[in-house]
Amino acid sequence: AKVVPLLRTSSNAFFRIEGNTDSVGRADANQALSQRRADAVVNYLVSKGFSAERLIAIGNGSSKPVADNSTDGGRSANRRTDIKVIANK
């Protein structure tokens, strides 16, 4: 919810919403889970008045870790959704 006001400051921007998982589980299940995470964020932003045309949902599965998957803390950090500006018109 804290990100909504920040995204509103970029009224002409387009955003890529990337869902991610840790490496536990099957690759296909992680891919599907990461896509659901990204879709959930897009749906939330649309419910807050953002145009769906400005939002792209991508599921990365476990392919883009930010931490070591061999620790609980690392796996927790890898279960995330990132929002990236991809164009500012």
C-alpha atoms as a PDB file:
ATOM      1  CA  ALA A   1       0.000   0.000   0.000  1.00  0.00           C
ATOM      2  CA  LYS A   2       2.923   2.345   0.643  1.00  0.00           C
ATOM      3  CA  VAL A   3       4.055   2.016  -2.954  1.00  0.00           C
ATOM      4  CA  VAL A   4       0.825   3.398  -4.461  1.00  0.00           C
ATOM      5  CA  PRO A   5       1.571   7.098  -3.711  1.00  0.00           C
ATOM      6  CA  LEU A   6       5.118   6.644  -5.009  1.00  0.00           C
ATOM      7  CA  LEU A   7       3.913   5.114  -8.273  1.00  0.00           C
ATOM      8  CA  ARG A   8       1.387   7.915  -8.690  1.00  0.00           C
ATOM      9  CA  THR A   9       4.262  10.424  -8.932  1.00  0.00           C
ATOM     10  CA  SER A  10       5.160   8.780 -12.259  1.00  0.00           C
ATOM     11  CA  SER A  11       1.842   9.413 -13.974  1.00  0.00           C
ATOM     12  CA  ASN A  12       3.148   8.604 -17.463  1.00  0.00           C
ATOM     13  CA  ALA A  13       5.361   5.650 -16.537  1.00  0.00           C
ATOM     14  CA  PHE A  14       4.927   2.004 -17.430  1.00  0.00           C
ATOM     15  CA  PHE A  15       5.797  -0.644 -14.850  1.00  0.00           C
ATOM     16  CA  ARG A  16       6.978  -4.252 -14.949  1.00  0.00           C
ATOM     17  CA  ILE A  17       5.738  -6.217 -11.943  1.00  0.00           C
ATOM     18  CA  GLU A  18       8.008  -9.241 -11.378  1.00  0.00           C
ATOM     19  CA  GLY A  19       7.007 -12.101  -9.094  1.00  0.00           C
ATOM     20  CA  ASN A  20       9.779 -14.284  -7.681  1.00  0.00           C
ATOM     21  CA  THR A  21      10.119 -17.429  -5.564  1.00  0.00           C
ATOM     22  CA  ASP A  22      12.782 -19.267  -3.623  1.00  0.00           C
ATOM     23  CA  SER A  23      14.247 -22.443  -5.129  1.00  0.00           C
ATOM     24  CA  VAL A  24      12.242 -24.904  -3.007  1.00  0.00           C
ATOM     25  CA  GLY A  25       9.818 -26.986  -5.046  1.00  0.00           C
ATOM     26  CA  ARG A  26       9.404 -27.842  -8.695  1.00  0.00           C
ATOM     27  CA  ALA A  27      10.394 -25.292 -11.318  1.00  0.00           C
ATOM     28  CA  ASP A  28       6.956 -25.334 -12.975  1.00  0.00           C
ATOM     29  CA  ALA A  29       5.187 -24.794  -9.643  1.00  0.00           C
ATOM     30  CA  ASN A  30       7.541 -21.921  -8.775  1.00  0.00           C
ATOM     31  CA  GLN A  31       6.934 -20.361 -12.181  1.00  0.00           C
ATOM     32  CA  ALA A  32       3.173 -20.500 -11.697  1.00  0.00           C
ATOM     33  CA  LEU A  33       3.439 -19.136  -8.136  1.00  0.00           C
ATOM     34  CA  SER A  34       5.642 -16.242  -9.228  1.00  0.00           C
ATOM     35  CA  GLN A  35       3.171 -15.353 -11.988  1.00  0.00           C
ATOM     36  CA  ARG A  36       0.303 -15.397  -9.488  1.00  0.00           C
ATOM     37  CA  ARG A  37       2.284 -13.054  -7.228  1.00  0.00           C
ATOM     38  CA  ALA A  38       2.856 -10.604 -10.068  1.00  0.00           C
ATOM     39  CA  ASP A  39      -0.783 -10.848 -11.182  1.00  0.00           C
ATOM     40  CA  ALA A  40      -1.978 -10.167  -7.611  1.00  0.00           C
ATOM     41  CA  VAL A  41       0.045  -6.944  -7.453  1.00  0.00           C
ATOM     42  CA  VAL A  42      -1.237  -5.829 -10.861  1.00  0.00           C
ATOM     43  CA  ASN A  43      -4.824  -6.548  -9.774  1.00  0.00           C
ATOM     44  CA  TYR A  44      -4.281  -4.554  -6.572  1.00  0.00           C
ATOM     45  CA  LEU A  45      -2.848  -1.583  -8.468  1.00  0.00           C
ATOM     46  CA  VAL A  46      -5.734  -1.668 -10.957  1.00  0.00           C
ATOM     47  CA  SER A  47      -8.158  -1.677  -8.004  1.00  0.00           C
ATOM     48  CA  LYS A  48      -6.415   1.511  -6.818  1.00  0.00           C
ATOM     49  CA  GLY A  49      -7.043   3.228 -10.149  1.00  0.00           C
ATOM     50  CA  PHE A  50      -3.954   2.402 -12.188  1.00  0.00           C
ATOM     51  CA  SER A  51      -4.485   1.636 -15.854  1.00  0.00           C
ATOM     52  CA  ALA A  52      -3.846  -2.043 -16.627  1.00  0.00           C
ATOM     53  CA  GLU A  53      -2.250  -0.922 -19.900  1.00  0.00           C
ATOM     54  CA  ARG A  54       0.624   0.603 -17.881  1.00  0.00           C
ATOM     55  CA  LEU A  55       1.346  -2.620 -15.966  1.00  0.00           C
ATOM     56  CA  ILE A  56       3.049  -5.815 -17.151  1.00  0.00           C
ATOM     57  CA  ALA A  57       3.076  -8.924 -14.919  1.00  0.00           C
ATOM     58  CA  ILE A  58       6.048 -11.280 -15.256  1.00  0.00           C
ATOM     59  CA  GLY A  59       6.725 -14.467 -13.299  1.00  0.00           C
ATOM     60  CA  ASN A  60      10.428 -15.213 -12.906  1.00  0.00           C
ATOM     61  CA  GLY A  61      10.110 -18.386 -10.845  1.00  0.00           C
ATOM     62  CA  SER A  62      13.341 -18.888  -8.914  1.00  0.00           C
ATOM     63  CA  SER A  63      15.583 -17.577 -11.722  1.00  0.00           C
ATOM     64  CA  LYS A  64      16.419 -14.179 -10.174  1.00  0.00           C
ATOM     65  CA  PRO A  65      17.430 -14.713  -6.549  1.00  0.00           C
ATOM     66  CA  VAL A  66      18.642 -11.771  -4.468  1.00  0.00           C
ATOM     67  CA  ALA A  67      19.935 -13.971  -1.650  1.00  0.00           C
ATOM     68  CA  ASP A  68      21.302 -17.446  -0.951  1.00  0.00           C
ATOM     69  CA  ASN A  69      18.568 -20.084  -1.085  1.00  0.00           C
ATOM     70  CA  SER A  70      20.440 -22.307   1.404  1.00  0.00           C
ATOM     71  CA  THR A  71      19.240 -20.268   4.410  1.00  0.00           C
ATOM     72  CA  ASP A  72      15.775 -19.461   5.750  1.00  0.00           C
ATOM     73  CA  GLY A  73      16.528 -15.743   5.522  1.00  0.00           C
ATOM     74  CA  GLY A  74      17.754 -16.051   1.961  1.00  0.00           C
ATOM     75  CA  ARG A  75      14.721 -18.023   0.852  1.00  0.00           C
ATOM     76  CA  SER A  76      12.469 -15.470   2.533  1.00  0.00           C
ATOM     77  CA  ALA A  77      14.202 -12.621   0.676  1.00  0.00           C
ATOM     78  CA  ASN A  78      13.752 -14.432  -2.630  1.00  0.00           C
ATOM     79  CA  ARG A  79       9.977 -14.755  -2.139  1.00  0.00           C
ATOM     80  CA  ARG A  80       9.180 -11.245  -3.336  1.00  0.00           C
ATOM     81  CA  THR A  81       7.597  -9.039  -5.956  1.00  0.00           C
ATOM     82  CA  ASP A  82       9.615  -6.264  -7.614  1.00  0.00           C
ATOM     83  CA  ILE A  83       8.201  -3.202  -9.358  1.00  0.00           C
ATOM     84  CA  LYS A  84      10.400  -1.691 -12.070  1.00  0.00           C
ATOM     85  CA  VAL A  85       9.904   1.374 -14.233  1.00  0.00           C
ATOM     86  CA  ILE A  86      10.280   0.272 -17.847  1.00  0.00           C
ATOM     87  CA  ALA A  87       9.301   3.452 -19.689  1.00  0.00           C
ATOM     88  CA  ASN A  88       8.541   7.015 -18.765  1.00  0.00           C
ATOM     89  CA  LYS A  89       6.719   8.885 -21.510  1.00  0.00           C
END
